[in-house]
Amino acid sequence: MRATLIATTSAMVLLVLDSTIMGVLLPSMRTELGLGTGEQAWVVAIYLLTLALLMPFGGRLCDALGAARTFSIGMAAFTVASAGVGLSTGGAEIIAWRGVAGCAAALLVPAGLAVLADVYPDDRRAGALAVYTGVGQGFATVGPLVGGLCAEFLSWRWGFLVNVPVGVIGLILMARARPVTPKRPSRTLLDLGLFRIGPFTGAALILFALGFGMTAATIYGAASLQETLGLSPAVAGVALLPLVVPLLVATRWAGRNSARVGSRWLGSVGSLAMTAGLVVAGLGILVGRIVVVCIALAPAGVGIGLLLGPMTNAALTAAPAAARGQASGLVSTIRQVGGVAGIGTVGVLASFLPQTIDGGPGAGAVALGFAVAALLTLAAALVAARTFPHVTDTPQRTQP
């Protein structure tokens, strides 16, 4: 089981690095390739959009081919797409390869979750998901630093080329582990009956809010540190590091204690912590205070750590075993749709508010985007309080 966990976690590392480095790399990409305003937006949005739209197909493919085989197909495609982005010479080429990467990620996300759900029994799944999401989110925070170092000392291209050896290692590990992931009966592409299960719906809504806040913060927050606060790419990456330790500690704690404290507590406290972090970080960017932004990252990291793994586990636990491939694809889709909404919201605000000299979103647009994200995470706290039971994270399963 350990090799399977390492393989699936390597895929999570690739996915989060590919998403989080963009905020730091985008200014360098824009300068070298002369990207226009529309191309800049599409470089970011096409990955999230294809990922969100095709995620249900990825869940369906897990049921049809088996999660392990689907995982291997997605990993191979993502590795090739990463090499394609790193070797691109123009905006259209990058957008095309980013679209391929999004399609591959749409297979990897539900397949990785479904593999873990099949391999690990109920009493050990929360711990495995905590490792899976915790390592992934740890690298999500390191992503801006990796991107900043590449952009400042090497080239933005290495931010994508570094994915290639990681992808190859993940493929080898999955091939050696050979986890047993059975095929399942064909089901409808989107089993909307899952939304009749209260805990599943509550977890999905919370993950939407989490995706909105995380994506807006990591993409536009990192870019804003460079373009409005004047930091270099490497220093901007370092400025985002205070998120790491609280996130990893909270993730580990949640994995060990989720059954004891329950999804109600984790969802409420995690959402409130994220709300506080987003509000303070937005204010810090608006007034140009880097120290304030760094301080705000700590509660945001705690919130992410308390929410991502436990809410994913709550959704998978609530779903019938035969629908876990679809359930994992569906909740991941909803979280990615939240990310697309976060990118779109800041982009729309930027069209009405002052922009940076290079045409990026100004501090006002980013701060307002953070405020919208904070409202959503505040609503998520209310959802958690009304949806989940008080003590235990063992909701009664109901066939949709």
Protein backbone atom coordinates (compact mmCIF):
# COMPACT_ATOMS: atom_id res chain seq x y z
CA MET A 1 0.00 0.00 0.00
CA ARG A 2 2.91 2.35 0.64
CA ALA A 3 4.06 2.31 -2.99
CA THR A 4 0.49 3.07 -4.09
CA LEU A 5 0.29 6.00 -1.68
CA ILE A 6 3.64 7.37 -2.91
CA ALA A 7 2.55 7.03 -6.55
CA THR A 8 -0.77 8.79 -6.04
CA THR A 9 0.88 11.46 -3.89
CA SER A 10 3.44 12.13 -6.64
CA ALA A 11 0.54 12.87 -8.96
CA MET A 12 -0.93 15.27 -6.43
CA VAL A 13 2.46 16.99 -6.19
CA LEU A 14 2.51 17.47 -9.97
CA LEU A 15 -1.02 18.83 -10.06
CA VAL A 16 -0.62 21.35 -7.28
CA LEU A 17 2.80 22.51 -8.47
CA ASP A 18 1.41 23.04 -11.96
CA SER A 19 -1.38 25.17 -10.52
CA THR A 20 0.46 27.16 -7.86
CA ILE A 21 3.62 28.10 -9.75
CA MET A 22 1.62 30.00 -12.35
CA GLY A 23 1.17 33.10 -10.22
CA VAL A 24 4.94 33.50 -9.87
CA LEU A 25 5.90 32.40 -13.39
CA LEU A 26 3.27 34.39 -15.30
CA PRO A 27 5.08 37.77 -15.21
CA SER A 28 8.26 36.16 -16.60
CA MET A 29 6.30 34.27 -19.24
CA ARG A 30 4.52 37.48 -20.24
CA THR A 31 7.82 39.34 -20.61
CA GLU A 32 9.65 36.65 -22.62
CA LEU A 33 6.81 35.64 -24.93
CA GLY A 34 4.94 38.95 -25.16
CA LEU A 35 1.65 37.48 -23.99
CA GLY A 36 -1.38 39.72 -24.38
CA THR A 37 -4.01 40.23 -21.70
CA GLY A 38 -6.31 37.57 -23.18
CA GLU A 39 -3.48 35.05 -23.53
CA GLN A 40 -2.45 35.60 -19.92
CA ALA A 41 -5.95 34.79 -18.72
CA TRP A 42 -6.23 31.69 -20.93
CA VAL A 43 -2.86 30.29 -19.83
CA VAL A 44 -4.31 30.12 -16.32
CA ALA A 45 -7.97 29.43 -17.09
CA ILE A 46 -7.68 26.71 -19.77
CA TYR A 47 -6.06 24.28 -17.34
CA LEU A 48 -8.71 24.78 -14.66
CA LEU A 49 -11.54 24.84 -17.19
CA THR A 50 -10.65 21.58 -18.93
CA LEU A 51 -9.96 20.01 -15.55
CA ALA A 52 -13.35 21.03 -14.20
CA LEU A 53 -15.36 20.14 -17.32
CA LEU A 54 -13.78 16.73 -17.90
CA MET A 55 -13.56 15.57 -14.28
CA PRO A 56 -16.89 13.67 -14.48
CA PHE A 57 -15.52 11.76 -17.48
CA GLY A 58 -12.47 10.91 -15.41
CA GLY A 59 -14.68 9.51 -12.66
CA ARG A 60 -16.67 7.49 -15.19
CA LEU A 61 -13.46 6.15 -16.73
CA CYS A 62 -12.32 5.01 -13.28
CA ASP A 63 -15.45 2.91 -12.98
CA ALA A 64 -15.10 1.53 -16.52
CA LEU A 65 -11.34 0.78 -16.73
CA GLY A 66 -10.39 0.62 -13.07
CA ALA A 67 -8.82 3.46 -11.12
CA ALA A 68 -5.22 2.21 -11.43
CA ARG A 69 -5.29 2.01 -15.23
CA THR A 70 -6.98 5.40 -15.50
CA PHE A 71 -4.32 6.84 -13.19
CA SER A 72 -1.49 5.56 -15.40
CA ILE A 73 -3.05 7.00 -18.56
CA GLY A 74 -3.48 10.38 -16.91
CA MET A 75 0.04 10.40 -15.48
CA ALA A 76 1.62 9.65 -18.85
CA ALA A 77 -0.40 12.38 -20.59
CA PHE A 78 0.37 14.93 -17.89
CA THR A 79 4.10 14.23 -18.10
CA VAL A 80 4.10 14.77 -21.88
CA ALA A 81 2.03 17.96 -21.54
CA SER A 82 4.44 19.38 -18.95
CA ALA A 83 7.34 18.85 -21.35
CA GLY A 84 5.29 20.51 -24.09
CA VAL A 85 4.66 23.64 -22.01
CA GLY A 86 8.31 23.89 -21.03
CA LEU A 87 9.42 23.73 -24.68
CA SER A 88 6.75 26.08 -26.08
CA THR A 89 7.71 29.18 -28.07
CA GLY A 90 4.45 31.12 -28.15
CA GLY A 91 1.22 31.85 -26.34
CA ALA A 92 -1.03 29.65 -28.49
CA GLU A 93 1.30 26.68 -28.05
CA ILE A 94 1.38 27.09 -24.27
CA ILE A 95 -2.40 27.38 -24.08
CA ALA A 96 -2.80 24.19 -26.13
CA TRP A 97 -0.42 22.19 -23.94
CA ARG A 98 -2.02 23.60 -20.78
CA GLY A 99 -5.33 22.32 -22.11
CA VAL A 100 -3.82 18.85 -22.56
CA ALA A 101 -2.48 19.02 -19.01
CA GLY A 102 -5.96 19.89 -17.75
CA CYS A 103 -7.44 16.89 -19.58
CA ALA A 104 -4.81 14.62 -18.04
CA ALA A 105 -5.44 16.10 -14.59
CA ALA A 106 -9.14 15.33 -15.03
CA LEU A 107 -8.14 11.65 -15.06
CA LEU A 108 -5.53 11.87 -12.33
CA VAL A 109 -7.60 13.57 -9.65
CA PRO A 110 -10.54 11.13 -9.43
CA ALA A 111 -8.28 8.15 -10.19
CA GLY A 112 -5.89 8.97 -7.37
CA LEU A 113 -8.71 9.33 -4.86
CA ALA A 114 -10.47 6.21 -6.10
CA VAL A 115 -7.26 4.15 -5.90
CA LEU A 116 -6.82 5.14 -2.27
CA ALA A 117 -10.50 4.48 -1.52
CA ASP A 118 -10.21 0.98 -3.01
CA VAL A 119 -6.87 0.04 -1.45
CA TYR A 120 -7.30 1.42 2.07
CA PRO A 121 -10.06 0.15 4.42
CA ASP A 122 -12.44 2.60 6.06
CA ASP A 123 -10.49 2.81 9.31
CA ARG A 124 -7.24 3.74 7.52
CA ARG A 125 -8.57 5.83 4.63
CA ALA A 126 -8.69 9.12 6.54
CA GLY A 127 -4.99 8.81 7.40
CA ALA A 128 -4.05 7.99 3.80
CA LEU A 129 -6.09 10.94 2.50
CA ALA A 130 -4.44 13.18 5.08
CA VAL A 131 -1.01 12.21 3.73
CA TYR A 132 -2.22 12.56 0.13
CA THR A 133 -3.69 16.02 0.59
CA GLY A 134 -1.14 17.18 3.14
CA VAL A 135 1.90 16.47 0.95
CA GLY A 136 0.08 17.94 -2.01
CA GLN A 137 -0.82 21.13 -0.20
CA GLY A 138 2.65 21.37 1.28
CA PHE A 139 4.02 21.40 -2.25
CA ALA A 140 1.29 23.83 -3.25
CA THR A 141 2.84 26.28 -0.84
CA VAL A 142 6.39 25.45 -1.92
CA GLY A 143 5.25 25.83 -5.53
CA PRO A 144 5.55 29.63 -5.57
CA LEU A 145 9.09 29.36 -4.16
CA VAL A 146 10.08 26.75 -6.76
CA GLY A 147 8.57 28.89 -9.49
CA GLY A 148 10.25 32.03 -8.18
CA LEU A 149 13.67 30.39 -8.03
CA CYS A 150 13.26 29.00 -11.54
CA ALA A 151 12.09 32.34 -12.96
CA GLU A 152 14.86 34.35 -11.28
CA PHE A 153 17.87 32.05 -11.60
CA LEU A 154 17.05 29.63 -14.45
CA SER A 155 13.99 30.10 -16.63
CA TRP A 156 10.24 29.87 -16.19
CA ARG A 157 10.42 26.78 -18.43
CA TRP A 158 12.04 24.72 -15.67
CA GLY A 159 8.95 25.22 -13.54
CA PHE A 160 7.24 22.80 -15.94
CA LEU A 161 10.15 20.62 -17.07
CA VAL A 162 10.77 19.57 -13.47
CA ASN A 163 7.47 17.68 -13.64
CA VAL A 164 8.84 15.18 -16.16
CA PRO A 165 11.08 13.07 -13.86
CA VAL A 166 8.42 13.14 -11.11
CA GLY A 167 5.83 11.84 -13.57
CA VAL A 168 8.10 9.04 -14.73
CA ILE A 169 8.76 7.97 -11.13
CA GLY A 170 5.02 7.96 -10.37
CA LEU A 171 4.34 5.74 -13.39
CA ILE A 172 7.03 3.26 -12.35
CA LEU A 173 5.76 3.07 -8.77
CA MET A 174 2.16 2.47 -9.83
CA ALA A 175 3.26 -0.23 -12.27
CA ARG A 176 5.25 -1.99 -9.53
CA ALA A 177 2.50 -1.66 -6.89
CA ARG A 178 -0.24 -3.09 -9.13
CA PRO A 179 -3.09 -2.13 -6.77
CA VAL A 180 -6.33 -4.05 -7.15
CA THR A 181 -8.92 -1.50 -8.31
CA PRO A 182 -11.95 -3.33 -9.70
CA LYS A 183 -14.07 -2.19 -12.60
CA ARG A 184 -17.58 -1.19 -11.63
CA PRO A 185 -20.94 -1.32 -13.40
CA SER A 186 -21.63 1.45 -15.89
CA ARG A 187 -23.47 4.36 -14.34
CA THR A 188 -24.76 7.68 -15.58
CA LEU A 189 -22.07 10.28 -16.27
CA LEU A 190 -23.31 12.55 -13.49
CA ASP A 191 -25.17 10.75 -10.74
CA LEU A 192 -27.03 13.74 -9.38
CA GLY A 193 -28.67 11.44 -6.86
CA LEU A 194 -25.49 11.81 -4.81
CA PHE A 195 -26.66 15.30 -3.93
CA ARG A 196 -29.60 13.80 -2.06
CA ILE A 197 -27.04 12.66 0.52
CA GLY A 198 -26.73 15.57 2.94
CA PRO A 199 -23.11 15.11 4.06
CA PHE A 200 -21.97 14.66 0.45
CA THR A 201 -23.66 17.91 -0.61
CA GLY A 202 -22.34 19.80 2.40
CA ALA A 203 -18.78 18.63 1.78
CA ALA A 204 -19.05 19.54 -1.91
CA LEU A 205 -20.21 23.09 -1.13
CA ILE A 206 -17.39 23.58 1.35
CA LEU A 207 -14.84 22.32 -1.21
CA PHE A 208 -16.22 24.81 -3.77
CA ALA A 209 -15.56 27.69 -1.36
CA LEU A 210 -12.13 26.27 -0.55
CA GLY A 211 -11.22 26.00 -4.24
CA PHE A 212 -12.33 29.59 -4.86
CA GLY A 213 -10.19 30.96 -2.05
CA MET A 214 -7.13 28.80 -2.67
CA THR A 215 -6.91 29.51 -6.38
CA ALA A 216 -7.54 33.24 -6.15
CA ALA A 217 -4.95 33.53 -3.39
CA THR A 218 -2.21 31.38 -4.94
CA ILE A 219 -2.48 32.72 -8.50
CA TYR A 220 -3.26 36.40 -8.03
CA GLY A 221 -1.79 36.72 -4.56
CA ALA A 222 1.62 35.56 -5.79
CA ALA A 223 1.48 37.77 -8.87
CA SER A 224 0.38 40.75 -6.78
CA LEU A 225 3.40 40.40 -4.50
CA GLN A 226 5.58 40.98 -7.56
CA GLU A 227 3.59 43.46 -9.58
CA THR A 228 2.10 45.68 -6.88
CA LEU A 229 4.48 45.20 -3.94
CA GLY A 230 7.63 45.05 -6.07
CA LEU A 231 9.10 41.75 -4.87
CA SER A 232 11.35 39.63 -7.06
CA PRO A 233 10.02 36.18 -8.10
CA ALA A 234 12.19 34.34 -5.56
CA VAL A 235 11.33 36.69 -2.69
CA ALA A 236 7.63 36.49 -3.61
CA GLY A 237 7.88 32.72 -3.32
CA VAL A 238 9.53 33.01 0.09
CA ALA A 239 6.82 35.44 1.24
CA LEU A 240 4.21 32.70 0.73
CA LEU A 241 6.10 30.13 2.83
CA PRO A 242 4.46 30.98 6.21
CA LEU A 243 1.50 28.99 4.94
CA VAL A 244 3.49 25.73 4.97
CA VAL A 245 3.99 24.80 8.61
CA PRO A 246 0.45 25.55 9.85
CA LEU A 247 -0.99 23.73 6.82
CA LEU A 248 1.07 20.60 7.35
CA VAL A 249 0.48 20.55 11.11
CA ALA A 250 -3.28 21.04 10.67
CA THR A 251 -3.43 18.37 7.96
CA ARG A 252 -1.64 15.84 10.13
CA TRP A 253 -3.76 16.66 13.15
CA ALA A 254 -6.99 16.43 11.15
CA GLY A 255 -6.00 13.04 9.72
CA ARG A 256 -5.46 11.65 13.21
CA ASN A 257 -8.48 13.24 14.91
CA SER A 258 -11.17 13.51 12.23
CA ALA A 259 -13.14 10.55 13.59
CA ARG A 260 -13.00 11.97 17.11
CA VAL A 261 -13.92 15.62 16.46
CA GLY A 262 -16.12 15.04 13.39
CA SER A 263 -16.68 16.86 10.12
CA ARG A 264 -18.96 19.45 11.77
CA TRP A 265 -16.12 20.82 13.90
CA LEU A 266 -13.46 20.53 11.18
CA GLY A 267 -15.65 22.16 8.54
CA SER A 268 -16.73 25.05 10.77
CA VAL A 269 -13.37 25.85 12.35
CA GLY A 270 -11.45 25.34 9.10
CA SER A 271 -13.78 27.63 7.16
CA LEU A 272 -13.61 30.36 9.82
CA ALA A 273 -9.80 30.17 9.91
CA MET A 274 -9.66 30.51 6.14
CA THR A 275 -12.08 33.45 6.28
CA ALA A 276 -9.85 35.29 8.75
CA GLY A 277 -6.74 34.62 6.68
CA LEU A 278 -8.31 35.81 3.43
CA VAL A 279 -9.66 39.02 4.96
CA VAL A 280 -6.36 40.01 6.56
CA ALA A 281 -4.29 39.02 3.50
CA GLY A 282 -6.55 41.09 1.24
CA LEU A 283 -6.14 44.11 3.49
CA GLY A 284 -2.37 43.59 3.55
CA ILE A 285 -2.20 43.60 -0.26
CA LEU A 286 -4.48 46.65 -0.45
CA VAL A 287 -2.35 48.75 1.90
CA GLY A 288 0.96 47.35 0.66
CA ARG A 289 2.10 45.66 3.89
CA ILE A 290 4.02 42.46 3.18
CA VAL A 291 4.29 41.53 6.87
CA VAL A 292 0.50 41.62 7.21
CA VAL A 293 0.11 39.31 4.22
CA CYS A 294 2.61 36.84 5.68
CA ILE A 295 0.90 36.83 9.09
CA ALA A 296 -2.47 36.19 7.43
CA LEU A 297 -1.15 33.10 5.68
CA ALA A 298 -0.96 31.17 8.97
CA PRO A 299 -4.72 30.94 9.68
CA ALA A 300 -5.34 30.37 5.98
CA GLY A 301 -2.96 27.41 6.10
CA VAL A 302 -4.73 26.02 9.16
CA GLY A 303 -8.06 26.33 7.36
CA ILE A 304 -6.85 24.52 4.26
CA GLY A 305 -5.36 21.73 6.36
CA LEU A 306 -8.57 21.23 8.34
CA LEU A 307 -10.81 21.28 5.26
CA LEU A 308 -9.32 19.63 2.21
CA GLY A 309 -8.65 16.09 3.40
CA PRO A 310 -11.55 15.77 5.88
CA MET A 311 -14.17 17.21 3.53
CA THR A 312 -13.00 14.95 0.70
CA ASN A 313 -13.14 11.98 3.05
CA ALA A 314 -16.60 13.00 4.28
CA ALA A 315 -17.90 13.07 0.71
CA LEU A 316 -16.37 9.69 -0.20
CA THR A 317 -17.57 8.08 3.03
CA ALA A 318 -21.11 9.34 2.49
CA ALA A 319 -21.25 7.98 -1.08
CA PRO A 320 -22.09 4.31 -1.80
CA ALA A 321 -18.99 2.18 -2.42
CA ALA A 322 -20.01 1.48 -6.03
CA ALA A 323 -20.16 5.21 -6.79
CA ARG A 324 -16.86 6.28 -5.26
CA GLY A 325 -15.20 6.83 -8.63
CA GLN A 326 -17.99 9.18 -9.63
CA ALA A 327 -18.12 10.75 -6.18
CA SER A 328 -14.40 11.53 -6.19
CA GLY A 329 -14.65 13.00 -9.68
CA LEU A 330 -17.70 15.04 -8.77
CA VAL A 331 -16.33 16.64 -5.60
CA SER A 332 -13.01 17.33 -7.31
CA THR A 333 -14.90 18.94 -10.20
CA ILE A 334 -16.79 21.16 -7.80
CA ARG A 335 -13.57 22.27 -6.11
CA GLN A 336 -11.98 23.04 -9.49
CA VAL A 337 -15.09 24.94 -10.59
CA GLY A 338 -14.60 26.99 -7.44
CA GLY A 339 -11.05 27.67 -8.61
CA VAL A 340 -12.25 28.75 -12.07
CA ALA A 341 -14.79 31.03 -10.39
CA GLY A 342 -12.01 32.56 -8.29
CA ILE A 343 -9.86 33.28 -11.35
CA GLY A 344 -12.85 34.70 -13.23
CA THR A 345 -13.95 36.90 -10.36
CA VAL A 346 -10.57 38.58 -9.99
CA GLY A 347 -10.33 38.92 -13.78
CA VAL A 348 -13.71 40.66 -13.98
CA LEU A 349 -12.83 42.97 -11.09
CA ALA A 350 -9.54 43.81 -12.80
CA SER A 351 -11.41 45.05 -15.87
CA PHE A 352 -13.18 47.69 -13.77
CA LEU A 353 -10.34 48.67 -11.41
CA PRO A 354 -6.83 50.06 -11.97
CA GLN A 355 -4.33 47.52 -13.32
CA THR A 356 -0.57 47.19 -13.01
CA ILE A 357 1.76 48.65 -15.63
CA ASP A 358 2.12 45.22 -17.24
CA GLY A 359 -1.64 44.78 -17.46
CA GLY A 360 -2.11 42.52 -14.45
CA PRO A 361 -4.83 42.86 -11.79
CA GLY A 362 -4.18 45.74 -9.39
CA ALA A 363 -4.21 45.58 -5.60
CA GLY A 364 -7.86 46.67 -5.43
CA ALA A 365 -9.06 43.84 -7.67
CA VAL A 366 -7.05 41.24 -5.78
CA ALA A 367 -8.25 42.52 -2.40
CA LEU A 368 -11.89 42.46 -3.52
CA GLY A 369 -11.41 38.94 -4.87
CA PHE A 370 -10.13 37.90 -1.48
CA ALA A 371 -13.18 39.51 0.14
CA VAL A 372 -15.54 37.51 -2.07
CA ALA A 373 -13.63 34.34 -1.20
CA ALA A 374 -13.92 35.21 2.50
CA LEU A 375 -17.69 35.54 2.20
CA LEU A 376 -17.86 32.10 0.58
CA THR A 377 -15.75 30.44 3.28
CA LEU A 378 -17.87 32.14 5.94
CA ALA A 379 -20.95 30.62 4.29
CA ALA A 380 -19.11 27.28 4.24
CA ALA A 381 -18.81 27.41 8.03
CA LEU A 382 -22.60 27.72 8.26
CA VAL A 383 -23.03 24.81 5.84
CA ALA A 384 -20.79 22.62 8.00
CA ALA A 385 -22.70 23.53 11.15
CA ARG A 386 -26.04 22.62 9.55
CA THR A 387 -24.99 19.54 7.56
CA PHE A 388 -22.76 17.31 9.67
CA PRO A 389 -23.54 15.53 12.95
CA HIS A 390 -22.14 16.88 16.20
CA VAL A 391 -19.64 14.25 17.28
CA THR A 392 -18.90 11.56 14.73
CA ASP A 393 -17.98 11.60 11.07
CA THR A 394 -20.00 8.51 10.25
CA PRO A 395 -23.11 9.68 8.43
CA GLN A 396 -25.63 7.06 7.47
CA ARG A 397 -25.12 5.99 3.88
CA THR A 398 -28.13 6.26 1.67
CA GLN A 399 -28.42 4.86 -1.79
CA PRO A 400 -29.03 7.71 -4.22
